N, C-alpha and C. Protein backbone atom coordinates (compact mmCIF):
# COMPACT_ATOMS: atom_id res chain seq x y z
N MET A 1 114.44 125.63 84.11
CA MET A 1 114.76 124.27 83.71
C MET A 1 115.09 123.40 84.92
N LEU A 2 115.86 123.97 85.84
CA LEU A 2 116.23 123.24 87.05
C LEU A 2 114.99 122.96 87.90
N LEU A 3 114.07 123.93 87.94
CA LEU A 3 112.83 123.76 88.70
C LEU A 3 111.98 122.64 88.11
N LEU A 4 111.93 122.56 86.79
CA LEU A 4 111.17 121.47 86.14
C LEU A 4 111.77 120.11 86.47
N GLN A 5 113.09 120.03 86.45
CA GLN A 5 113.74 118.76 86.78
C GLN A 5 113.48 118.38 88.24
N ALA A 6 113.55 119.36 89.13
CA ALA A 6 113.28 119.09 90.55
C ALA A 6 111.84 118.64 90.74
N LEU A 7 110.92 119.27 90.03
CA LEU A 7 109.51 118.89 90.13
C LEU A 7 109.28 117.48 89.58
N THR A 8 109.94 117.15 88.49
CA THR A 8 109.82 115.80 87.93
C THR A 8 110.35 114.76 88.90
N ILE A 9 111.50 115.03 89.52
CA ILE A 9 112.06 114.09 90.50
C ILE A 9 111.13 113.96 91.70
N THR A 10 110.57 115.08 92.15
CA THR A 10 109.63 115.06 93.28
C THR A 10 108.40 114.22 92.94
N ILE A 11 107.88 114.39 91.75
CA ILE A 11 106.71 113.61 91.34
C ILE A 11 107.04 112.12 91.29
N ASP A 12 108.21 111.78 90.76
CA ASP A 12 108.60 110.37 90.70
C ASP A 12 108.76 109.77 92.10
N LEU A 13 109.37 110.53 93.01
CA LEU A 13 109.53 110.04 94.39
C LEU A 13 108.18 109.91 95.09
N LEU A 14 107.31 110.90 94.89
CA LEU A 14 105.99 110.83 95.50
C LEU A 14 105.16 109.68 94.94
N ARG A 15 105.34 109.38 93.67
CA ARG A 15 104.61 108.26 93.07
C ARG A 15 104.99 106.95 93.78
N VAL A 16 106.30 106.76 94.01
CA VAL A 16 106.76 105.56 94.71
C VAL A 16 106.25 105.56 96.15
N ALA A 17 106.33 106.74 96.81
CA ALA A 17 105.88 106.84 98.21
C ALA A 17 104.39 106.56 98.34
N PHE A 18 103.58 107.12 97.44
CA PHE A 18 102.14 106.87 97.51
C PHE A 18 101.81 105.42 97.21
N PHE A 19 102.55 104.81 96.29
CA PHE A 19 102.31 103.40 96.01
C PHE A 19 102.65 102.55 97.23
N GLY A 20 103.77 102.86 97.87
CA GLY A 20 104.14 102.13 99.09
C GLY A 20 103.13 102.34 100.21
N LEU A 21 102.68 103.58 100.37
CA LEU A 21 101.67 103.88 101.39
C LEU A 21 100.36 103.15 101.10
N ALA A 22 99.97 103.12 99.83
CA ALA A 22 98.73 102.42 99.46
C ALA A 22 98.87 100.92 99.70
N ALA A 23 100.03 100.35 99.36
CA ALA A 23 100.24 98.91 99.58
C ALA A 23 100.23 98.59 101.07
N ALA A 24 100.90 99.40 101.88
CA ALA A 24 100.91 99.17 103.33
C ALA A 24 99.51 99.34 103.91
N THR A 25 98.78 100.35 103.45
CA THR A 25 97.41 100.56 103.93
C THR A 25 96.53 99.39 103.53
N ALA A 26 96.73 98.84 102.34
CA ALA A 26 95.93 97.69 101.90
C ALA A 26 96.18 96.48 102.78
N VAL A 27 97.44 96.24 103.12
CA VAL A 27 97.77 95.10 103.99
C VAL A 27 97.16 95.30 105.37
N LEU A 28 97.35 96.51 105.93
CA LEU A 28 96.80 96.78 107.26
C LEU A 28 95.27 96.77 107.25
N ALA A 29 94.68 97.27 106.17
CA ALA A 29 93.22 97.25 106.07
C ALA A 29 92.71 95.83 106.00
N GLY A 30 93.40 94.99 105.26
CA GLY A 30 93.01 93.58 105.18
C GLY A 30 93.10 92.89 106.53
N LEU A 31 94.19 93.12 107.26
CA LEU A 31 94.34 92.53 108.59
C LEU A 31 93.25 93.03 109.54
N ASP A 32 93.01 94.32 109.54
CA ASP A 32 92.00 94.89 110.43
C ASP A 32 90.61 94.36 110.08
N TRP A 33 90.34 94.25 108.80
CA TRP A 33 89.04 93.73 108.37
C TRP A 33 88.87 92.27 108.81
N LEU A 34 89.95 91.48 108.70
CA LEU A 34 89.87 90.08 109.13
C LEU A 34 89.57 89.98 110.62
N VAL A 35 90.16 90.86 111.41
CA VAL A 35 89.91 90.83 112.86
C VAL A 35 88.52 91.35 113.17
N ARG A 36 88.11 92.44 112.52
CA ARG A 36 86.79 93.02 112.80
C ARG A 36 85.65 92.08 112.42
N THR A 37 85.84 91.32 111.36
CA THR A 37 84.78 90.41 110.91
C THR A 37 84.93 89.01 111.52
N ARG A 38 85.85 88.87 112.44
CA ARG A 38 86.08 87.64 113.20
C ARG A 38 86.49 86.45 112.32
N ARG A 39 87.18 86.74 111.25
CA ARG A 39 87.74 85.67 110.42
C ARG A 39 89.05 85.19 111.02
N VAL A 40 89.59 85.99 111.94
CA VAL A 40 90.74 85.59 112.76
C VAL A 40 90.22 85.44 114.17
N PRO A 41 90.58 84.39 114.87
CA PRO A 41 90.09 84.22 116.25
C PRO A 41 90.38 85.47 117.09
N PRO A 42 89.36 85.97 117.80
CA PRO A 42 89.48 87.27 118.47
C PRO A 42 90.52 87.33 119.58
N PHE A 43 90.92 86.21 120.16
CA PHE A 43 91.88 86.26 121.25
C PHE A 43 93.24 85.72 120.84
N SER A 44 93.46 85.57 119.54
CA SER A 44 94.76 85.12 119.06
C SER A 44 95.77 86.25 119.18
N PRO A 45 97.06 85.93 119.17
CA PRO A 45 98.07 87.00 119.24
C PRO A 45 97.98 87.98 118.06
N VAL A 46 97.61 87.49 116.89
CA VAL A 46 97.48 88.37 115.72
C VAL A 46 96.35 89.37 115.97
N ALA A 47 95.21 88.90 116.47
CA ALA A 47 94.06 89.78 116.71
C ALA A 47 94.39 90.81 117.77
N ARG A 48 95.09 90.40 118.83
CA ARG A 48 95.45 91.36 119.88
C ARG A 48 96.41 92.42 119.34
N PHE A 49 97.36 91.99 118.52
CA PHE A 49 98.30 92.93 117.91
C PHE A 49 97.56 93.92 117.01
N VAL A 50 96.66 93.40 116.18
CA VAL A 50 95.92 94.27 115.26
C VAL A 50 95.06 95.26 116.02
N ARG A 51 94.37 94.79 117.06
CA ARG A 51 93.52 95.69 117.84
C ARG A 51 94.32 96.76 118.57
N SER A 52 95.52 96.43 119.01
CA SER A 52 96.30 97.42 119.77
C SER A 52 97.12 98.35 118.88
N LYS A 53 97.62 97.87 117.75
CA LYS A 53 98.53 98.69 116.93
C LYS A 53 97.93 99.17 115.61
N VAL A 54 97.07 98.38 114.99
CA VAL A 54 96.59 98.70 113.65
C VAL A 54 95.25 99.43 113.71
N THR A 55 94.32 98.95 114.49
CA THR A 55 92.98 99.53 114.53
C THR A 55 92.99 101.01 114.90
N PRO A 56 93.86 101.47 115.83
CA PRO A 56 93.87 102.91 116.12
C PRO A 56 94.19 103.79 114.90
N LEU A 57 94.85 103.24 113.91
CA LEU A 57 95.16 104.01 112.71
C LEU A 57 93.90 104.33 111.92
N PHE A 58 92.88 103.48 112.04
CA PHE A 58 91.66 103.66 111.27
C PHE A 58 90.55 104.36 112.06
N VAL A 59 90.82 104.72 113.32
CA VAL A 59 89.79 105.33 114.17
C VAL A 59 89.26 106.65 113.60
N PRO A 60 90.11 107.56 113.08
CA PRO A 60 89.54 108.81 112.53
C PRO A 60 88.56 108.56 111.38
N THR A 61 88.89 107.64 110.52
CA THR A 61 87.99 107.31 109.42
C THR A 61 86.72 106.65 109.96
N GLU A 62 86.90 105.80 110.94
CA GLU A 62 85.74 105.11 111.53
C GLU A 62 84.77 106.10 112.16
N ARG A 63 85.29 107.10 112.84
CA ARG A 63 84.42 108.10 113.47
C ARG A 63 83.59 108.84 112.42
N ARG A 64 84.27 109.26 111.35
CA ARG A 64 83.54 109.97 110.28
C ARG A 64 82.50 109.06 109.64
N LEU A 65 82.87 107.82 109.45
CA LEU A 65 81.98 106.86 108.81
C LEU A 65 80.75 106.59 109.67
N VAL A 66 80.94 106.44 110.97
CA VAL A 66 79.82 106.19 111.87
C VAL A 66 78.91 107.41 111.93
N ARG A 67 79.50 108.63 111.95
CA ARG A 67 78.69 109.85 111.95
C ARG A 67 77.84 109.95 110.69
N ALA A 68 78.37 109.41 109.59
CA ALA A 68 77.63 109.47 108.33
C ALA A 68 76.66 108.30 108.19
N GLY A 69 76.61 107.42 109.19
CA GLY A 69 75.68 106.30 109.15
C GLY A 69 76.23 105.05 108.49
N GLY A 70 77.55 104.98 108.33
CA GLY A 70 78.16 103.83 107.67
C GLY A 70 78.51 102.72 108.64
N ASN A 71 78.99 101.65 108.09
CA ASN A 71 79.39 100.48 108.87
C ASN A 71 80.84 100.65 109.31
N PRO A 72 81.14 100.60 110.62
CA PRO A 72 82.51 100.80 111.08
C PRO A 72 83.48 99.72 110.58
N GLN A 73 82.96 98.56 110.20
CA GLN A 73 83.85 97.51 109.69
C GLN A 73 84.47 97.87 108.35
N SER A 74 83.87 98.80 107.63
CA SER A 74 84.42 99.18 106.34
C SER A 74 85.37 100.37 106.44
N ALA A 75 85.67 100.85 107.65
CA ALA A 75 86.58 101.98 107.83
C ALA A 75 87.96 101.74 107.22
N PRO A 76 88.54 100.53 107.36
CA PRO A 76 89.85 100.33 106.73
C PRO A 76 89.81 100.49 105.21
N TRP A 77 88.74 100.05 104.59
CA TRP A 77 88.66 100.15 103.13
C TRP A 77 88.43 101.58 102.69
N TRP A 78 87.68 102.35 103.48
CA TRP A 78 87.51 103.77 103.18
C TRP A 78 88.83 104.51 103.34
N THR A 79 89.63 104.11 104.34
CA THR A 79 90.95 104.71 104.52
C THR A 79 91.83 104.42 103.32
N LEU A 80 91.78 103.18 102.84
CA LEU A 80 92.55 102.81 101.65
C LEU A 80 92.10 103.64 100.44
N ALA A 81 90.80 103.79 100.29
CA ALA A 81 90.28 104.60 99.18
C ALA A 81 90.75 106.05 99.30
N ALA A 82 90.76 106.59 100.51
CA ALA A 82 91.21 107.97 100.71
C ALA A 82 92.70 108.11 100.38
N VAL A 83 93.49 107.12 100.74
CA VAL A 83 94.92 107.17 100.42
C VAL A 83 95.13 107.11 98.91
N VAL A 84 94.43 106.21 98.24
CA VAL A 84 94.59 106.06 96.79
C VAL A 84 94.11 107.32 96.06
N VAL A 85 92.91 107.79 96.40
CA VAL A 85 92.37 108.98 95.73
C VAL A 85 93.22 110.21 96.06
N GLY A 86 93.64 110.34 97.31
CA GLY A 86 94.50 111.46 97.68
C GLY A 86 95.82 111.44 96.93
N GLY A 87 96.42 110.27 96.79
CA GLY A 87 97.67 110.15 96.03
C GLY A 87 97.48 110.51 94.58
N ILE A 88 96.39 110.04 94.00
CA ILE A 88 96.11 110.36 92.58
C ILE A 88 95.91 111.86 92.42
N LEU A 89 95.17 112.48 93.33
CA LEU A 89 94.93 113.92 93.23
C LEU A 89 96.22 114.72 93.38
N VAL A 90 97.05 114.36 94.34
CA VAL A 90 98.31 115.09 94.55
C VAL A 90 99.21 114.95 93.33
N LEU A 91 99.35 113.72 92.82
CA LEU A 91 100.21 113.50 91.65
C LEU A 91 99.66 114.20 90.41
N THR A 92 98.35 114.19 90.24
CA THR A 92 97.74 114.87 89.10
C THR A 92 97.95 116.38 89.21
N LEU A 93 97.77 116.93 90.40
CA LEU A 93 97.97 118.36 90.60
C LEU A 93 99.42 118.75 90.34
N LEU A 94 100.36 117.97 90.84
CA LEU A 94 101.78 118.29 90.61
C LEU A 94 102.14 118.14 89.13
N GLY A 95 101.56 117.15 88.45
CA GLY A 95 101.78 117.01 87.02
C GLY A 95 101.22 118.19 86.25
N PHE A 96 100.07 118.66 86.66
CA PHE A 96 99.46 119.84 86.03
C PHE A 96 100.34 121.07 86.23
N VAL A 97 100.83 121.26 87.47
CA VAL A 97 101.71 122.40 87.75
C VAL A 97 102.99 122.30 86.92
N ARG A 98 103.54 121.10 86.81
CA ARG A 98 104.75 120.91 86.00
C ARG A 98 104.48 121.26 84.54
N GLY A 99 103.36 120.82 84.01
CA GLY A 99 103.01 121.13 82.62
C GLY A 99 102.81 122.61 82.40
N GLN A 100 102.11 123.26 83.33
CA GLN A 100 101.88 124.70 83.21
C GLN A 100 103.18 125.49 83.32
N LEU A 101 104.06 125.03 84.19
CA LEU A 101 105.35 125.69 84.34
C LEU A 101 106.19 125.52 83.07
N ALA A 102 106.14 124.35 82.46
CA ALA A 102 106.88 124.12 81.20
C ALA A 102 106.34 125.02 80.10
N VAL A 103 105.02 125.14 80.01
CA VAL A 103 104.42 126.01 79.00
C VAL A 103 104.79 127.47 79.27
N ALA A 104 104.76 127.88 80.54
CA ALA A 104 105.10 129.26 80.88
C ALA A 104 106.55 129.56 80.53
N LEU A 105 107.46 128.66 80.84
CA LEU A 105 108.87 128.88 80.49
C LEU A 105 109.07 128.95 78.99
N TYR A 106 108.38 128.08 78.27
CA TYR A 106 108.48 128.10 76.81
C TYR A 106 107.95 129.41 76.24
N ARG A 107 106.82 129.87 76.73
CA ARG A 107 106.21 131.11 76.23
C ARG A 107 107.05 132.33 76.60
N LEU A 108 107.66 132.31 77.79
CA LEU A 108 108.48 133.45 78.20
C LEU A 108 109.73 133.59 77.33
N GLU A 109 110.22 132.48 76.81
CA GLU A 109 111.39 132.52 75.91
C GLU A 109 111.05 133.16 74.57
N GLN A 110 109.77 133.25 74.24
CA GLN A 110 109.35 133.80 72.95
C GLN A 110 109.18 135.32 72.97
N GLY A 111 109.37 135.94 74.10
CA GLY A 111 109.28 137.39 74.18
C GLY A 111 107.87 137.88 74.43
N PRO A 112 107.55 139.12 74.01
CA PRO A 112 106.23 139.72 74.29
C PRO A 112 105.07 138.94 73.68
N SER A 113 105.25 138.41 72.48
CA SER A 113 104.14 137.63 71.89
C SER A 113 103.91 136.35 72.68
N GLY A 114 104.97 135.76 73.18
CA GLY A 114 104.83 134.57 74.02
C GLY A 114 104.14 134.88 75.33
N LEU A 115 104.44 136.06 75.88
CA LEU A 115 103.79 136.49 77.11
C LEU A 115 102.29 136.69 76.91
N LEU A 116 101.93 137.27 75.77
CA LEU A 116 100.51 137.44 75.43
C LEU A 116 99.83 136.08 75.28
N MET A 117 100.49 135.15 74.59
CA MET A 117 99.93 133.80 74.42
C MET A 117 99.79 133.09 75.77
N LEU A 118 100.76 133.31 76.65
CA LEU A 118 100.69 132.71 77.98
C LEU A 118 99.49 133.25 78.74
N ALA A 119 99.28 134.56 78.69
CA ALA A 119 98.14 135.17 79.39
C ALA A 119 96.82 134.66 78.81
N LEU A 120 96.74 134.57 77.48
CA LEU A 120 95.52 134.05 76.86
C LEU A 120 95.29 132.59 77.23
N GLY A 121 96.34 131.79 77.21
CA GLY A 121 96.21 130.38 77.57
C GLY A 121 95.75 130.20 79.01
N LEU A 122 96.32 131.00 79.91
CA LEU A 122 95.89 130.92 81.32
C LEU A 122 94.44 131.37 81.48
N THR A 123 94.03 132.37 80.73
CA THR A 123 92.65 132.83 80.80
C THR A 123 91.68 131.76 80.32
N PHE A 124 91.99 131.15 79.17
CA PHE A 124 91.13 130.08 78.67
C PHE A 124 91.11 128.89 79.64
N GLY A 125 92.27 128.56 80.19
CA GLY A 125 92.32 127.46 81.16
C GLY A 125 91.49 127.74 82.39
N PHE A 126 91.56 128.98 82.90
CA PHE A 126 90.77 129.36 84.06
C PHE A 126 89.28 129.27 83.77
N LEU A 127 88.87 129.75 82.60
CA LEU A 127 87.44 129.69 82.24
C LEU A 127 86.96 128.24 82.09
N ASN A 128 87.79 127.38 81.51
CA ASN A 128 87.41 125.97 81.38
C ASN A 128 87.28 125.31 82.75
N ILE A 129 88.22 125.61 83.64
CA ILE A 129 88.15 125.04 85.00
C ILE A 129 86.92 125.57 85.72
N ALA A 130 86.62 126.85 85.56
CA ALA A 130 85.44 127.43 86.22
C ALA A 130 84.15 126.78 85.70
N LEU A 131 84.08 126.54 84.39
CA LEU A 131 82.89 125.85 83.85
C LEU A 131 82.77 124.45 84.40
N LEU A 132 83.88 123.73 84.43
CA LEU A 132 83.87 122.36 84.95
C LEU A 132 83.49 122.34 86.43
N TRP A 133 84.06 123.25 87.20
CA TRP A 133 83.75 123.31 88.63
C TRP A 133 82.28 123.66 88.86
N ARG A 134 81.77 124.53 88.02
CA ARG A 134 80.37 124.93 88.13
C ARG A 134 79.46 123.73 87.90
N VAL A 135 79.75 122.93 86.89
CA VAL A 135 78.94 121.75 86.60
C VAL A 135 79.05 120.74 87.74
N ILE A 136 80.27 120.47 88.20
CA ILE A 136 80.46 119.50 89.28
C ILE A 136 79.77 119.96 90.56
N SER A 137 79.85 121.27 90.84
CA SER A 137 79.21 121.77 92.07
C SER A 137 77.69 121.61 92.03
N THR A 138 77.09 121.72 90.84
CA THR A 138 75.64 121.49 90.76
C THR A 138 75.31 120.02 90.94
N TRP A 139 76.19 119.14 90.49
CA TRP A 139 75.94 117.70 90.66
C TRP A 139 75.96 117.30 92.12
N VAL A 140 76.88 117.86 92.90
CA VAL A 140 76.98 117.47 94.30
C VAL A 140 76.15 118.35 95.22
N GLY A 141 75.41 119.31 94.65
CA GLY A 141 74.47 120.09 95.44
C GLY A 141 75.08 121.26 96.19
N VAL A 142 76.17 121.81 95.70
CA VAL A 142 76.77 122.98 96.34
C VAL A 142 75.99 124.21 95.89
N SER A 143 75.65 125.06 96.83
CA SER A 143 74.90 126.27 96.53
C SER A 143 75.75 127.22 95.69
N PRO A 144 75.13 127.88 94.71
CA PRO A 144 75.88 128.86 93.91
C PRO A 144 76.40 130.03 94.74
N TYR A 145 75.84 130.23 95.92
CA TYR A 145 76.24 131.34 96.77
C TYR A 145 77.28 130.95 97.81
N SER A 146 77.66 129.67 97.83
CA SER A 146 78.69 129.25 98.78
C SER A 146 80.05 129.75 98.31
N ARG A 147 80.97 129.85 99.24
CA ARG A 147 82.30 130.36 98.87
C ARG A 147 83.03 129.39 97.96
N TRP A 148 82.61 128.14 97.92
CA TRP A 148 83.28 127.14 97.07
C TRP A 148 82.87 127.27 95.61
N ALA A 149 81.69 127.80 95.34
CA ALA A 149 81.20 127.86 93.96
C ALA A 149 81.00 129.27 93.44
N ARG A 150 80.98 130.25 94.32
CA ARG A 150 80.68 131.62 93.90
C ARG A 150 81.65 132.12 92.84
N TRP A 151 82.93 131.80 92.98
CA TRP A 151 83.93 132.28 92.01
C TRP A 151 83.66 131.73 90.61
N ALA A 152 83.23 130.47 90.53
CA ALA A 152 82.97 129.86 89.22
C ALA A 152 81.77 130.51 88.56
N TYR A 153 80.75 130.80 89.34
CA TYR A 153 79.56 131.46 88.79
C TYR A 153 79.90 132.88 88.34
N ALA A 154 80.70 133.59 89.15
CA ALA A 154 81.08 134.96 88.78
C ALA A 154 81.93 134.98 87.52
N ALA A 155 82.76 133.98 87.34
CA ALA A 155 83.67 133.96 86.19
C ALA A 155 82.99 133.53 84.90
N THR A 156 81.88 132.80 84.99
CA THR A 156 81.30 132.22 83.78
C THR A 156 79.90 132.71 83.44
N GLU A 157 79.25 133.41 84.34
CA GLU A 157 77.86 133.81 84.09
C GLU A 157 77.75 134.70 82.85
N TRP A 158 78.72 135.58 82.62
CA TRP A 158 78.69 136.46 81.45
C TRP A 158 78.68 135.66 80.15
N LEU A 159 79.24 134.46 80.18
CA LEU A 159 79.30 133.63 78.99
C LEU A 159 78.03 132.78 78.82
N LEU A 160 77.45 132.37 79.94
CA LEU A 160 76.31 131.46 79.88
C LEU A 160 74.98 132.17 79.64
N VAL A 161 74.84 133.42 80.06
CA VAL A 161 73.57 134.13 79.90
C VAL A 161 73.16 134.25 78.43
N PRO A 162 74.05 134.69 77.52
CA PRO A 162 73.63 134.76 76.11
C PRO A 162 73.33 133.38 75.51
N ILE A 163 74.05 132.36 75.95
CA ILE A 163 73.80 131.01 75.43
C ILE A 163 72.43 130.52 75.89
N ARG A 164 72.09 130.80 77.15
CA ARG A 164 70.77 130.40 77.68
C ARG A 164 69.62 131.11 76.98
N SER A 165 69.86 132.33 76.51
CA SER A 165 68.79 133.04 75.82
C SER A 165 68.50 132.39 74.46
N ILE A 166 69.50 131.75 73.89
CA ILE A 166 69.32 131.05 72.61
C ILE A 166 68.91 129.61 72.84
N LEU A 167 69.52 128.97 73.83
CA LEU A 167 69.31 127.55 74.10
C LEU A 167 68.75 127.39 75.52
N PRO A 168 67.43 127.36 75.67
CA PRO A 168 66.86 127.23 77.03
C PRO A 168 67.12 125.83 77.59
N PRO A 169 67.03 125.69 78.91
CA PRO A 169 67.23 124.36 79.51
C PRO A 169 66.19 123.35 79.02
N PHE A 170 66.64 122.11 78.87
CA PHE A 170 65.74 121.01 78.50
C PHE A 170 65.33 120.29 79.77
N GLY A 171 64.18 120.68 80.32
CA GLY A 171 63.73 120.10 81.58
C GLY A 171 64.71 120.47 82.68
N MET A 172 65.32 119.45 83.30
CA MET A 172 66.28 119.72 84.36
C MET A 172 67.72 119.79 83.85
N PHE A 173 67.90 119.66 82.55
CA PHE A 173 69.25 119.68 81.98
C PHE A 173 69.55 121.03 81.36
N ASP A 174 70.62 121.65 81.84
CA ASP A 174 71.09 122.92 81.30
C ASP A 174 72.33 122.62 80.46
N LEU A 175 72.19 122.73 79.16
CA LEU A 175 73.28 122.41 78.25
C LEU A 175 74.20 123.60 77.98
N SER A 176 73.89 124.76 78.54
CA SER A 176 74.70 125.94 78.25
C SER A 176 76.16 125.81 78.68
N PRO A 177 76.51 125.16 79.81
CA PRO A 177 77.93 125.00 80.12
C PRO A 177 78.67 124.15 79.08
N MET A 178 78.00 123.12 78.55
CA MET A 178 78.64 122.28 77.54
C MET A 178 78.85 123.07 76.25
N VAL A 179 77.86 123.85 75.86
CA VAL A 179 77.99 124.68 74.66
C VAL A 179 79.08 125.74 74.87
N ALA A 180 79.13 126.33 76.06
CA ALA A 180 80.16 127.33 76.36
C ALA A 180 81.55 126.71 76.32
N TYR A 181 81.68 125.50 76.85
CA TYR A 181 82.97 124.80 76.82
C TYR A 181 83.40 124.55 75.38
N PHE A 182 82.47 124.13 74.54
CA PHE A 182 82.76 123.88 73.13
C PHE A 182 83.16 125.18 72.43
N LEU A 183 82.41 126.25 72.68
CA LEU A 183 82.73 127.54 72.07
C LEU A 183 84.09 128.07 72.54
N LEU A 184 84.36 127.92 73.82
CA LEU A 184 85.68 128.34 74.33
C LEU A 184 86.80 127.55 73.67
N SER A 185 86.59 126.26 73.46
CA SER A 185 87.60 125.42 72.80
C SER A 185 87.84 125.88 71.38
N LEU A 186 86.74 126.22 70.67
CA LEU A 186 86.90 126.72 69.31
C LEU A 186 87.66 128.04 69.26
N VAL A 187 87.28 128.98 70.13
CA VAL A 187 87.95 130.28 70.16
C VAL A 187 89.41 130.10 70.56
N GLN A 188 89.66 129.23 71.54
CA GLN A 188 91.02 129.00 71.98
C GLN A 188 91.88 128.42 70.85
N SER A 189 91.35 127.45 70.12
CA SER A 189 92.14 126.87 69.04
C SER A 189 92.39 127.89 67.93
N PHE A 190 91.44 128.79 67.69
CA PHE A 190 91.61 129.82 66.67
C PHE A 190 92.65 130.86 67.13
N VAL A 191 92.54 131.32 68.38
CA VAL A 191 93.42 132.37 68.89
C VAL A 191 94.84 131.86 69.15
N MET A 192 94.94 130.63 69.64
CA MET A 192 96.23 130.11 70.08
C MET A 192 96.99 129.40 68.97
N ARG A 193 96.58 129.56 67.74
CA ARG A 193 97.25 128.87 66.63
C ARG A 193 98.71 129.28 66.49
N GLY A 194 99.06 130.46 66.93
CA GLY A 194 100.40 130.98 66.70
C GLY A 194 101.46 130.45 67.59
């Protein structure tokens, strides 16, 4: 219980911190963009300050952007996007951990049957995440043999092979992960009713 409260307080503090960081990054990105696009006179005190103190903050993003063939003037906005998306991901992950911890504590209070339900719930959750990761990895072109996707294929192939034998792919669309996700949801709702 104390751990859940500490996690909730941490999430609330991080939410404020990420919002402040995003707001500060937005202001600095706007200033840097104004100087880079020459909307502020290049030799003004503001431009000199921005070039000496603010622009170096965006150099790592700018390097990656230039290597990828992007426009270096948009580096501040990409940095802002990275801060916002990173904050959302961290807060979502911590919220997920808090929820899973609350469910685990609740199930552990129920004794052996709760422990069995906890194990089943974690198994279904893992399979759903593996199916989702497998679909996303095919969208972004990750090889099934890469270390990032191999675990998802190993965890779900046993489920998808029988579905594919009944439901072949429609052209370039493989609907078996969607059918497997639906079937897992049905089985989970039936098994976890207790």
